[in-house]
Amino acid sequence: MRDSTIARNYAEALLELARKANDLEGWGARLDALAGAIKADLTLRRFLDSPKVDVATKSAVLGKALAGSYPATFVRFVQAITRRGRQVLIPEIAIEYALLVDEAVGRVHASVTLARPADAAEQARIAAALSASLGKTVVPHVVVDPAILGGAIVRVGDRVRDGSVKRRLALLRQRMVHGAR
């Protein structure tokens, strides 16, 4: 089985546990923190990856490190992953979990390309307009590209809405060169 499929399965299991605890976002933040620690700390990553360290030791160390600041069910979940030798997948499980939570709460991410930087108020207006248009909560990720001259290009999943000045000028040029059809 592919690692992405395995990670997705663990993320789905964690989502069910988080639903029972009524804390989807909180468990996601905890999983992100753990994944971030694994990515950032080379010593931790080597410890978890090492075939010389037995599974029971890895599980016990993770249990002690997480106990107290993480829910017991979450700690047992991480220990179960470790006992099965899948601890290296925790960062990928975190990504899959975030996607599942977004889907569960009706949230989508949009790449919004603008010609100039947008302040917080403008980003909030963009998010509100896109949310109203799509009927879901939209989280905009703004990218600045002066080459579009003005307007915006919005990408949500595989859909693209190009309202850039550059595109409008290209269409106008095409009509002028080839005549109105």
N, C-alpha and C. Protein backbone atom coordinates (compact mmCIF):
# COMPACT_ATOMS: atom_id res chain seq x y z
N MET A 1 0.85 -1.17 0.00
CA MET A 1 0.00 0.00 0.00
C MET A 1 0.90 1.24 0.00
N ARG A 2 0.51 2.26 -0.75
CA ARG A 2 1.29 3.49 -0.84
C ARG A 2 1.21 4.29 0.45
N ASP A 3 2.30 5.04 0.72
CA ASP A 3 2.36 5.84 1.94
C ASP A 3 1.23 6.86 2.02
N SER A 4 0.87 7.47 0.88
CA SER A 4 -0.20 8.47 0.90
C SER A 4 -1.54 7.83 1.28
N THR A 5 -1.78 6.61 0.83
CA THR A 5 -3.01 5.91 1.18
C THR A 5 -3.01 5.55 2.66
N ILE A 6 -1.88 5.10 3.14
CA ILE A 6 -1.76 4.75 4.56
C ILE A 6 -1.97 6.00 5.42
N ALA A 7 -1.34 7.11 5.02
CA ALA A 7 -1.49 8.36 5.76
C ALA A 7 -2.94 8.81 5.76
N ARG A 8 -3.61 8.68 4.64
CA ARG A 8 -5.02 9.06 4.55
C ARG A 8 -5.87 8.21 5.50
N ASN A 9 -5.59 6.91 5.56
CA ASN A 9 -6.35 6.03 6.45
C ASN A 9 -6.15 6.42 7.91
N TYR A 10 -4.92 6.72 8.31
CA TYR A 10 -4.67 7.16 9.68
C TYR A 10 -5.35 8.51 9.95
N ALA A 11 -5.31 9.40 8.97
CA ALA A 11 -5.96 10.71 9.13
C ALA A 11 -7.46 10.55 9.33
N GLU A 12 -8.06 9.63 8.58
CA GLU A 12 -9.50 9.38 8.73
C GLU A 12 -9.82 8.84 10.13
N ALA A 13 -8.97 7.94 10.62
CA ALA A 13 -9.17 7.40 11.97
C ALA A 13 -9.03 8.51 13.01
N LEU A 14 -8.03 9.38 12.84
CA LEU A 14 -7.85 10.48 13.78
C LEU A 14 -9.02 11.46 13.71
N LEU A 15 -9.56 11.68 12.52
CA LEU A 15 -10.71 12.56 12.38
C LEU A 15 -11.89 12.03 13.18
N GLU A 16 -12.11 10.74 13.16
CA GLU A 16 -13.20 10.16 13.94
C GLU A 16 -12.96 10.35 15.44
N LEU A 17 -11.73 10.16 15.88
CA LEU A 17 -11.42 10.37 17.30
C LEU A 17 -11.62 11.84 17.68
N ALA A 18 -11.20 12.74 16.80
CA ALA A 18 -11.36 14.18 17.07
C ALA A 18 -12.83 14.57 17.09
N ARG A 19 -13.63 13.96 16.23
CA ARG A 19 -15.08 14.23 16.24
C ARG A 19 -15.68 13.80 17.58
N LYS A 20 -15.28 12.64 18.07
CA LYS A 20 -15.79 12.17 19.36
C LYS A 20 -15.39 13.12 20.48
N ALA A 21 -14.21 13.70 20.36
CA ALA A 21 -13.74 14.67 21.36
C ALA A 21 -14.29 16.07 21.09
N ASN A 22 -14.98 16.24 19.96
CA ASN A 22 -15.56 17.53 19.55
C ASN A 22 -14.49 18.62 19.47
N ASP A 23 -13.35 18.29 18.81
CA ASP A 23 -12.24 19.23 18.72
C ASP A 23 -11.43 19.00 17.44
N LEU A 24 -12.05 19.15 16.30
CA LEU A 24 -11.35 18.91 15.02
C LEU A 24 -10.15 19.83 14.86
N GLU A 25 -10.34 21.11 15.08
CA GLU A 25 -9.26 22.08 14.88
C GLU A 25 -8.14 21.91 15.90
N GLY A 26 -8.50 21.65 17.16
CA GLY A 26 -7.50 21.50 18.21
C GLY A 26 -6.60 20.29 17.96
N TRP A 27 -7.21 19.19 17.55
CA TRP A 27 -6.41 17.99 17.28
C TRP A 27 -5.53 18.21 16.05
N GLY A 28 -6.04 18.97 15.10
CA GLY A 28 -5.23 19.30 13.93
C GLY A 28 -4.02 20.14 14.31
N ALA A 29 -4.22 21.10 15.20
CA ALA A 29 -3.11 21.94 15.66
C ALA A 29 -2.08 21.10 16.41
N ARG A 30 -2.55 20.16 17.22
CA ARG A 30 -1.61 19.29 17.95
C ARG A 30 -0.82 18.41 16.99
N LEU A 31 -1.50 17.86 16.00
CA LEU A 31 -0.83 17.01 15.02
C LEU A 31 0.17 17.83 14.20
N ASP A 32 -0.22 19.05 13.83
CA ASP A 32 0.71 19.94 13.11
C ASP A 32 1.95 20.25 13.96
N ALA A 33 1.75 20.47 15.25
CA ALA A 33 2.87 20.76 16.14
C ALA A 33 3.82 19.57 16.22
N LEU A 34 3.25 18.38 16.34
CA LEU A 34 4.07 17.17 16.39
C LEU A 34 4.81 16.97 15.07
N ALA A 35 4.10 17.13 13.96
CA ALA A 35 4.73 16.99 12.64
C ALA A 35 5.83 18.03 12.45
N GLY A 36 5.57 19.25 12.89
CA GLY A 36 6.57 20.31 12.80
C GLY A 36 7.81 19.99 13.62
N ALA A 37 7.60 19.42 14.80
CA ALA A 37 8.74 19.04 15.64
C ALA A 37 9.56 17.94 14.98
N ILE A 38 8.89 17.00 14.36
CA ILE A 38 9.60 15.91 13.67
C ILE A 38 10.39 16.45 12.48
N LYS A 39 9.80 17.38 11.75
CA LYS A 39 10.49 17.96 10.60
C LYS A 39 11.68 18.83 11.04
N ALA A 40 11.50 19.59 12.11
CA ALA A 40 12.50 20.58 12.52
C ALA A 40 13.64 19.99 13.34
N ASP A 41 13.37 18.97 14.12
CA ASP A 41 14.37 18.44 15.04
C ASP A 41 15.02 17.18 14.46
N LEU A 42 16.24 17.33 13.99
CA LEU A 42 16.97 16.23 13.37
C LEU A 42 17.19 15.09 14.35
N THR A 43 17.45 15.39 15.61
CA THR A 43 17.68 14.35 16.62
C THR A 43 16.41 13.51 16.80
N LEU A 44 15.26 14.18 16.90
CA LEU A 44 13.99 13.47 17.05
C LEU A 44 13.72 12.61 15.83
N ARG A 45 13.94 13.19 14.66
CA ARG A 45 13.69 12.45 13.42
C ARG A 45 14.59 11.20 13.33
N ARG A 46 15.85 11.36 13.68
CA ARG A 46 16.78 10.21 13.67
C ARG A 46 16.36 9.16 14.69
N PHE A 47 15.93 9.61 15.86
CA PHE A 47 15.46 8.68 16.89
C PHE A 47 14.28 7.87 16.39
N LEU A 48 13.31 8.55 15.79
CA LEU A 48 12.11 7.85 15.31
C LEU A 48 12.40 6.95 14.11
N ASP A 49 13.38 7.33 13.29
CA ASP A 49 13.72 6.55 12.10
C ASP A 49 14.65 5.38 12.40
N SER A 50 15.34 5.43 13.50
CA SER A 50 16.39 4.46 13.78
C SER A 50 15.87 3.04 13.98
N PRO A 51 16.40 2.10 13.21
CA PRO A 51 16.02 0.70 13.42
C PRO A 51 16.68 0.11 14.67
N LYS A 52 17.68 0.82 15.23
CA LYS A 52 18.38 0.34 16.43
C LYS A 52 17.55 0.56 17.70
N VAL A 53 16.62 1.52 17.64
CA VAL A 53 15.76 1.79 18.79
C VAL A 53 14.49 0.97 18.63
N ASP A 54 14.18 0.16 19.65
CA ASP A 54 13.00 -0.71 19.52
C ASP A 54 11.71 0.11 19.60
N VAL A 55 10.67 -0.47 19.07
CA VAL A 55 9.36 0.19 18.96
C VAL A 55 8.81 0.55 20.34
N ALA A 56 8.98 -0.30 21.31
CA ALA A 56 8.47 -0.03 22.66
C ALA A 56 9.12 1.22 23.25
N THR A 57 10.41 1.40 23.01
CA THR A 57 11.12 2.58 23.52
C THR A 57 10.60 3.84 22.83
N LYS A 58 10.45 3.79 21.52
CA LYS A 58 9.92 4.94 20.78
C LYS A 58 8.54 5.32 21.28
N SER A 59 7.69 4.31 21.46
CA SER A 59 6.33 4.54 21.93
C SER A 59 6.32 5.14 23.33
N ALA A 60 7.19 4.62 24.21
CA ALA A 60 7.25 5.13 25.58
C ALA A 60 7.75 6.57 25.62
N VAL A 61 8.77 6.88 24.83
CA VAL A 61 9.31 8.24 24.80
C VAL A 61 8.25 9.22 24.29
N LEU A 62 7.57 8.86 23.20
CA LEU A 62 6.51 9.73 22.67
C LEU A 62 5.39 9.90 23.69
N GLY A 63 5.02 8.81 24.36
CA GLY A 63 3.98 8.88 25.38
C GLY A 63 4.32 9.84 26.49
N LYS A 64 5.58 9.76 26.98
CA LYS A 64 6.02 10.66 28.06
C LYS A 64 6.09 12.11 27.58
N ALA A 65 6.55 12.30 26.34
CA ALA A 65 6.70 13.67 25.80
C ALA A 65 5.35 14.35 25.60
N LEU A 66 4.35 13.58 25.22
CA LEU A 66 3.05 14.16 24.88
C LEU A 66 2.07 14.16 26.06
N ALA A 67 2.29 13.30 27.03
CA ALA A 67 1.36 13.19 28.16
C ALA A 67 1.26 14.53 28.89
N GLY A 68 0.06 14.84 29.29
CA GLY A 68 -0.17 16.07 30.04
C GLY A 68 -0.62 17.23 29.16
N SER A 69 0.06 17.43 28.04
CA SER A 69 -0.32 18.54 27.16
C SER A 69 -1.19 18.08 25.99
N TYR A 70 -1.31 16.78 25.79
CA TYR A 70 -2.13 16.23 24.72
C TYR A 70 -3.17 15.29 25.33
N PRO A 71 -4.36 15.19 24.73
CA PRO A 71 -5.37 14.26 25.25
C PRO A 71 -4.85 12.82 25.21
N ALA A 72 -5.26 12.03 26.17
CA ALA A 72 -4.79 10.63 26.27
C ALA A 72 -5.11 9.84 25.01
N THR A 73 -6.26 10.07 24.41
CA THR A 73 -6.64 9.36 23.19
C THR A 73 -5.69 9.72 22.05
N PHE A 74 -5.31 10.98 21.96
CA PHE A 74 -4.37 11.42 20.94
C PHE A 74 -3.02 10.74 21.14
N VAL A 75 -2.56 10.69 22.40
CA VAL A 75 -1.28 10.05 22.71
C VAL A 75 -1.32 8.58 22.33
N ARG A 76 -2.42 7.89 22.66
CA ARG A 76 -2.54 6.46 22.30
C ARG A 76 -2.55 6.28 20.78
N PHE A 77 -3.15 7.22 20.07
CA PHE A 77 -3.15 7.17 18.60
C PHE A 77 -1.72 7.26 18.07
N VAL A 78 -0.95 8.21 18.57
CA VAL A 78 0.44 8.37 18.14
C VAL A 78 1.26 7.13 18.50
N GLN A 79 1.00 6.57 19.66
CA GLN A 79 1.72 5.35 20.06
C GLN A 79 1.35 4.17 19.16
N ALA A 80 0.08 4.10 18.74
CA ALA A 80 -0.34 3.03 17.84
C ALA A 80 0.36 3.16 16.49
N ILE A 81 0.48 4.39 16.01
CA ILE A 81 1.21 4.62 14.76
C ILE A 81 2.66 4.15 14.91
N THR A 82 3.25 4.47 16.04
CA THR A 82 4.64 4.11 16.30
C THR A 82 4.81 2.60 16.40
N ARG A 83 3.89 1.93 17.08
CA ARG A 83 3.98 0.47 17.22
C ARG A 83 3.91 -0.23 15.87
N ARG A 84 3.25 0.40 14.91
CA ARG A 84 3.14 -0.18 13.57
C ARG A 84 4.28 0.28 12.65
N GLY A 85 5.22 1.04 13.20
CA GLY A 85 6.37 1.50 12.43
C GLY A 85 6.04 2.59 11.42
N ARG A 86 4.97 3.33 11.65
CA ARG A 86 4.54 4.37 10.71
C ARG A 86 4.80 5.78 11.21
N GLN A 87 5.62 5.96 12.24
CA GLN A 87 5.86 7.27 12.82
C GLN A 87 6.46 8.25 11.82
N VAL A 88 7.16 7.75 10.80
CA VAL A 88 7.73 8.66 9.79
C VAL A 88 6.64 9.29 8.93
N LEU A 89 5.44 8.74 9.00
CA LEU A 89 4.32 9.28 8.20
C LEU A 89 3.56 10.39 8.93
N ILE A 90 3.93 10.71 10.14
CA ILE A 90 3.17 11.73 10.91
C ILE A 90 3.05 13.05 10.15
N PRO A 91 4.11 13.59 9.52
CA PRO A 91 3.92 14.83 8.75
C PRO A 91 2.92 14.67 7.60
N GLU A 92 2.94 13.53 6.93
CA GLU A 92 1.99 13.31 5.84
C GLU A 92 0.57 13.09 6.37
N ILE A 93 0.46 12.45 7.52
CA ILE A 93 -0.85 12.27 8.16
C ILE A 93 -1.43 13.64 8.52
N ALA A 94 -0.57 14.56 8.98
CA ALA A 94 -1.02 15.90 9.33
C ALA A 94 -1.60 16.62 8.11
N ILE A 95 -0.96 16.47 6.96
CA ILE A 95 -1.45 17.09 5.73
C ILE A 95 -2.80 16.51 5.34
N GLU A 96 -2.90 15.19 5.37
CA GLU A 96 -4.16 14.53 5.02
C GLU A 96 -5.27 14.90 6.00
N TYR A 97 -4.92 14.99 7.28
CA TYR A 97 -5.91 15.37 8.29
C TYR A 97 -6.44 16.77 8.03
N ALA A 98 -5.56 17.70 7.70
CA ALA A 98 -5.98 19.08 7.41
C ALA A 98 -6.94 19.11 6.22
N LEU A 99 -6.66 18.31 5.21
CA LEU A 99 -7.56 18.24 4.04
C LEU A 99 -8.92 17.69 4.43
N LEU A 100 -8.93 16.68 5.28
CA LEU A 100 -10.20 16.09 5.73
C LEU A 100 -11.01 17.08 6.58
N VAL A 101 -10.33 17.82 7.44
CA VAL A 101 -11.03 18.82 8.27
C VAL A 101 -11.60 19.91 7.38
N ASP A 102 -10.81 20.38 6.40
CA ASP A 102 -11.32 21.39 5.47
C ASP A 102 -12.60 20.90 4.79
N GLU A 103 -12.58 19.67 4.35
CA GLU A 103 -13.75 19.09 3.69
C GLU A 103 -14.92 18.97 4.65
N ALA A 104 -14.65 18.56 5.88
CA ALA A 104 -15.70 18.37 6.88
C ALA A 104 -16.38 19.67 7.27
N VAL A 105 -15.63 20.76 7.32
CA VAL A 105 -16.21 22.04 7.74
C VAL A 105 -16.59 22.93 6.55
N GLY A 106 -16.43 22.43 5.33
CA GLY A 106 -16.83 23.20 4.15
C GLY A 106 -15.90 24.36 3.85
N ARG A 107 -14.62 24.13 4.01
CA ARG A 107 -13.62 25.17 3.80
C ARG A 107 -12.78 24.80 2.57
N VAL A 108 -12.50 25.78 1.72
CA VAL A 108 -11.62 25.58 0.57
C VAL A 108 -10.52 26.63 0.59
N HIS A 109 -9.42 26.29 -0.03
CA HIS A 109 -8.29 27.21 -0.13
C HIS A 109 -8.21 27.72 -1.56
N ALA A 110 -7.99 29.01 -1.70
CA ALA A 110 -7.91 29.63 -3.02
C ALA A 110 -6.58 30.36 -3.17
N SER A 111 -5.97 30.17 -4.32
CA SER A 111 -4.78 30.94 -4.66
C SER A 111 -5.27 32.18 -5.40
N VAL A 112 -4.97 33.34 -4.87
CA VAL A 112 -5.42 34.60 -5.45
C VAL A 112 -4.18 35.38 -5.89
N THR A 113 -4.06 35.59 -7.19
CA THR A 113 -2.93 36.35 -7.72
C THR A 113 -3.37 37.78 -7.97
N LEU A 114 -2.66 38.73 -7.39
CA LEU A 114 -2.95 40.15 -7.54
C LEU A 114 -1.71 40.86 -8.11
N ALA A 115 -1.92 42.02 -8.67
CA ALA A 115 -0.81 42.79 -9.23
C ALA A 115 -0.02 43.53 -8.14
N ARG A 116 -0.65 43.75 -7.00
CA ARG A 116 0.01 44.46 -5.91
C ARG A 116 -0.36 43.81 -4.59
N PRO A 117 0.42 44.04 -3.55
CA PRO A 117 0.11 43.44 -2.25
C PRO A 117 -1.24 43.92 -1.72
N ALA A 118 -1.91 43.04 -0.99
CA ALA A 118 -3.21 43.37 -0.41
C ALA A 118 -3.07 43.44 1.11
N ASP A 119 -3.68 44.48 1.71
CA ASP A 119 -3.65 44.56 3.16
C ASP A 119 -4.69 43.60 3.74
N ALA A 120 -4.74 43.51 5.06
CA ALA A 120 -5.62 42.56 5.74
C ALA A 120 -7.09 42.81 5.41
N ALA A 121 -7.49 44.07 5.34
CA ALA A 121 -8.89 44.40 5.04
C ALA A 121 -9.26 43.96 3.63
N GLU A 122 -8.37 44.19 2.69
CA GLU A 122 -8.64 43.78 1.31
C GLU A 122 -8.69 42.26 1.19
N GLN A 123 -7.81 41.57 1.90
CA GLN A 123 -7.85 40.11 1.89
C GLN A 123 -9.15 39.59 2.49
N ALA A 124 -9.65 40.26 3.53
CA ALA A 124 -10.92 39.88 4.14
C ALA A 124 -12.07 40.08 3.15
N ARG A 125 -12.03 41.19 2.38
CA ARG A 125 -13.08 41.42 1.36
C ARG A 125 -13.01 40.35 0.27
N ILE A 126 -11.80 40.00 -0.13
CA ILE A 126 -11.63 38.96 -1.14
C ILE A 126 -12.19 37.64 -0.62
N ALA A 127 -11.87 37.29 0.62
CA ALA A 127 -12.36 36.05 1.22
C ALA A 127 -13.88 36.05 1.30
N ALA A 128 -14.46 37.18 1.69
CA ALA A 128 -15.93 37.28 1.80
C ALA A 128 -16.59 37.14 0.43
N ALA A 129 -16.04 37.80 -0.58
CA ALA A 129 -16.62 37.72 -1.92
C ALA A 129 -16.51 36.31 -2.48
N LEU A 130 -15.36 35.67 -2.30
CA LEU A 130 -15.20 34.31 -2.79
C LEU A 130 -16.09 33.33 -2.02
N SER A 131 -16.21 33.53 -0.72
CA SER A 131 -17.07 32.67 0.09
C SER A 131 -18.52 32.76 -0.37
N ALA A 132 -18.98 33.98 -0.64
CA ALA A 132 -20.35 34.17 -1.11
C ALA A 132 -20.54 33.54 -2.48
N SER A 133 -19.55 33.67 -3.34
CA SER A 133 -19.62 33.12 -4.69
C SER A 133 -19.63 31.59 -4.70
N LEU A 134 -18.81 30.98 -3.85
CA LEU A 134 -18.66 29.53 -3.85
C LEU A 134 -19.57 28.81 -2.86
N GLY A 135 -20.14 29.55 -1.92
CA GLY A 135 -21.01 28.93 -0.94
C GLY A 135 -20.25 28.13 0.10
N LYS A 136 -18.96 28.38 0.24
CA LYS A 136 -18.12 27.72 1.24
C LYS A 136 -17.20 28.76 1.85
N THR A 137 -16.65 28.44 2.98
CA THR A 137 -15.66 29.33 3.59
C THR A 137 -14.38 29.23 2.77
N VAL A 138 -13.89 30.37 2.31
CA VAL A 138 -12.69 30.40 1.48
C VAL A 138 -11.53 31.02 2.25
N VAL A 139 -10.40 30.35 2.21
CA VAL A 139 -9.16 30.87 2.79
C VAL A 139 -8.28 31.30 1.62
N PRO A 140 -8.11 32.61 1.43
CA PRO A 140 -7.29 33.06 0.30
C PRO A 140 -5.80 33.03 0.62
N HIS A 141 -5.03 32.58 -0.34
CA HIS A 141 -3.57 32.61 -0.25
C HIS A 141 -3.11 33.56 -1.35
N VAL A 142 -2.75 34.78 -0.96
CA VAL A 142 -2.47 35.84 -1.92
C VAL A 142 -1.02 35.75 -2.41
N VAL A 143 -0.90 35.83 -3.74
CA VAL A 143 0.40 35.85 -4.42
C VAL A 143 0.44 37.14 -5.23
N VAL A 144 1.56 37.82 -5.19
CA VAL A 144 1.69 39.07 -5.95
C VAL A 144 2.48 38.80 -7.23
N ASP A 145 1.88 39.21 -8.36
CA ASP A 145 2.53 39.10 -9.66
C ASP A 145 2.22 40.36 -10.45
N PRO A 146 3.13 41.34 -10.47
CA PRO A 146 2.88 42.60 -11.17
C PRO A 146 2.63 42.42 -12.67
N ALA A 147 3.02 41.29 -13.23
CA ALA A 147 2.84 41.05 -14.67
C ALA A 147 1.37 40.98 -15.08
N ILE A 148 0.45 40.74 -14.14
CA ILE A 148 -0.96 40.68 -14.54
C ILE A 148 -1.57 42.07 -14.67
N LEU A 149 -0.84 43.10 -14.28
CA LEU A 149 -1.20 44.52 -14.44
C LEU A 149 -2.31 44.99 -13.51
N GLY A 150 -3.29 44.18 -13.24
CA GLY A 150 -4.42 44.55 -12.38
C GLY A 150 -5.42 43.41 -12.36
N GLY A 151 -6.51 43.60 -11.62
CA GLY A 151 -7.50 42.53 -11.53
C GLY A 151 -6.99 41.40 -10.65
N ALA A 152 -7.51 40.19 -10.89
CA ALA A 152 -7.11 39.04 -10.08
C ALA A 152 -7.27 37.76 -10.86
N ILE A 153 -6.46 36.78 -10.48
CA ILE A 153 -6.60 35.41 -10.98
C ILE A 153 -6.85 34.55 -9.76
N VAL A 154 -7.96 33.80 -9.77
CA VAL A 154 -8.34 32.98 -8.62
C VAL A 154 -8.33 31.51 -9.03
N ARG A 155 -7.60 30.71 -8.25
CA ARG A 155 -7.56 29.26 -8.48
C ARG A 155 -8.12 28.56 -7.26
N VAL A 156 -9.17 27.76 -7.47
CA VAL A 156 -9.75 26.94 -6.41
C VAL A 156 -9.79 25.53 -6.96
N GLY A 157 -8.94 24.67 -6.40
CA GLY A 157 -8.85 23.31 -6.94
C GLY A 157 -8.34 23.36 -8.36
N ASP A 158 -9.10 22.79 -9.29
CA ASP A 158 -8.69 22.80 -10.69
C ASP A 158 -9.42 23.87 -11.50
N ARG A 159 -10.19 24.72 -10.82
CA ARG A 159 -10.89 25.81 -11.51
C ARG A 159 -10.10 27.11 -11.42
N VAL A 160 -10.06 27.83 -12.55
CA VAL A 160 -9.34 29.10 -12.61
C VAL A 160 -10.28 30.17 -13.15
N ARG A 161 -10.35 31.28 -12.46
CA ARG A 161 -11.09 32.45 -12.93
C ARG A 161 -10.06 33.55 -13.16
N ASP A 162 -9.87 33.91 -14.42
CA ASP A 162 -8.85 34.91 -14.77
C ASP A 162 -9.53 36.23 -15.10
N GLY A 163 -9.48 37.16 -14.16
CA GLY A 163 -10.03 38.49 -14.37
C GLY A 163 -8.92 39.52 -14.40
N SER A 164 -7.76 39.11 -14.88
CA SER A 164 -6.62 40.02 -14.91
C SER A 164 -6.72 41.01 -16.06
N VAL A 165 -6.13 42.17 -15.88
CA VAL A 165 -6.08 43.19 -16.92
C VAL A 165 -5.27 42.65 -18.11
N LYS A 166 -4.22 41.91 -17.82
CA LYS A 166 -3.39 41.33 -18.88
C LYS A 166 -4.24 40.45 -19.81
N ARG A 167 -5.10 39.62 -19.25
CA ARG A 167 -5.95 38.74 -20.06
C ARG A 167 -6.97 39.56 -20.85
N ARG A 168 -7.57 40.54 -20.20
CA ARG A 168 -8.55 41.38 -20.89
C ARG A 168 -7.92 42.12 -22.07
N LEU A 169 -6.69 42.62 -21.88
CA LEU A 169 -5.99 43.30 -22.98
C LEU A 169 -5.66 42.32 -24.11
N ALA A 170 -5.29 41.09 -23.75
CA ALA A 170 -5.00 40.08 -24.78
C ALA A 170 -6.25 39.75 -25.58
N LEU A 171 -7.39 39.64 -24.90
CA LEU A 171 -8.66 39.36 -25.59
C LEU A 171 -9.04 40.53 -26.50
N LEU A 172 -8.87 41.75 -26.02
CA LEU A 172 -9.16 42.94 -26.82
C LEU A 172 -8.26 42.99 -28.06
N ARG A 173 -6.99 42.71 -27.87
CA ARG A 173 -6.05 42.69 -28.99
C ARG A 173 -6.47 41.64 -30.02
N GLN A 174 -6.85 40.47 -29.54
CA GLN A 174 -7.27 39.38 -30.43
C GLN A 174 -8.50 39.80 -31.25
N ARG A 175 -9.45 40.45 -30.61
CA ARG A 175 -10.66 40.90 -31.32
C ARG A 175 -10.32 41.97 -32.35
N MET A 176 -9.39 42.86 -31.99
CA MET A 176 -9.03 43.93 -32.92
C MET A 176 -8.26 43.37 -34.12
N VAL A 177 -7.40 42.42 -33.90
CA VAL A 177 -6.59 41.85 -34.98
C VAL A 177 -7.44 40.94 -35.88
N HIS A 178 -8.27 40.12 -35.27
CA HIS A 178 -9.04 39.14 -36.04
C HIS A 178 -10.47 39.60 -36.34
N GLY A 179 -10.83 40.74 -35.88
CA GLY A 179 -12.19 41.25 -36.12
C GLY A 179 -13.17 40.64 -35.12
N ALA A 180 -14.24 41.34 -34.86
CA ALA A 180 -15.27 40.85 -33.93
C ALA A 180 -16.03 39.70 -34.55
N ARG A 181 -16.17 38.65 -33.85
CA ARG A 181 -16.88 37.45 -34.37
C ARG A 181 -18.07 37.15 -33.53
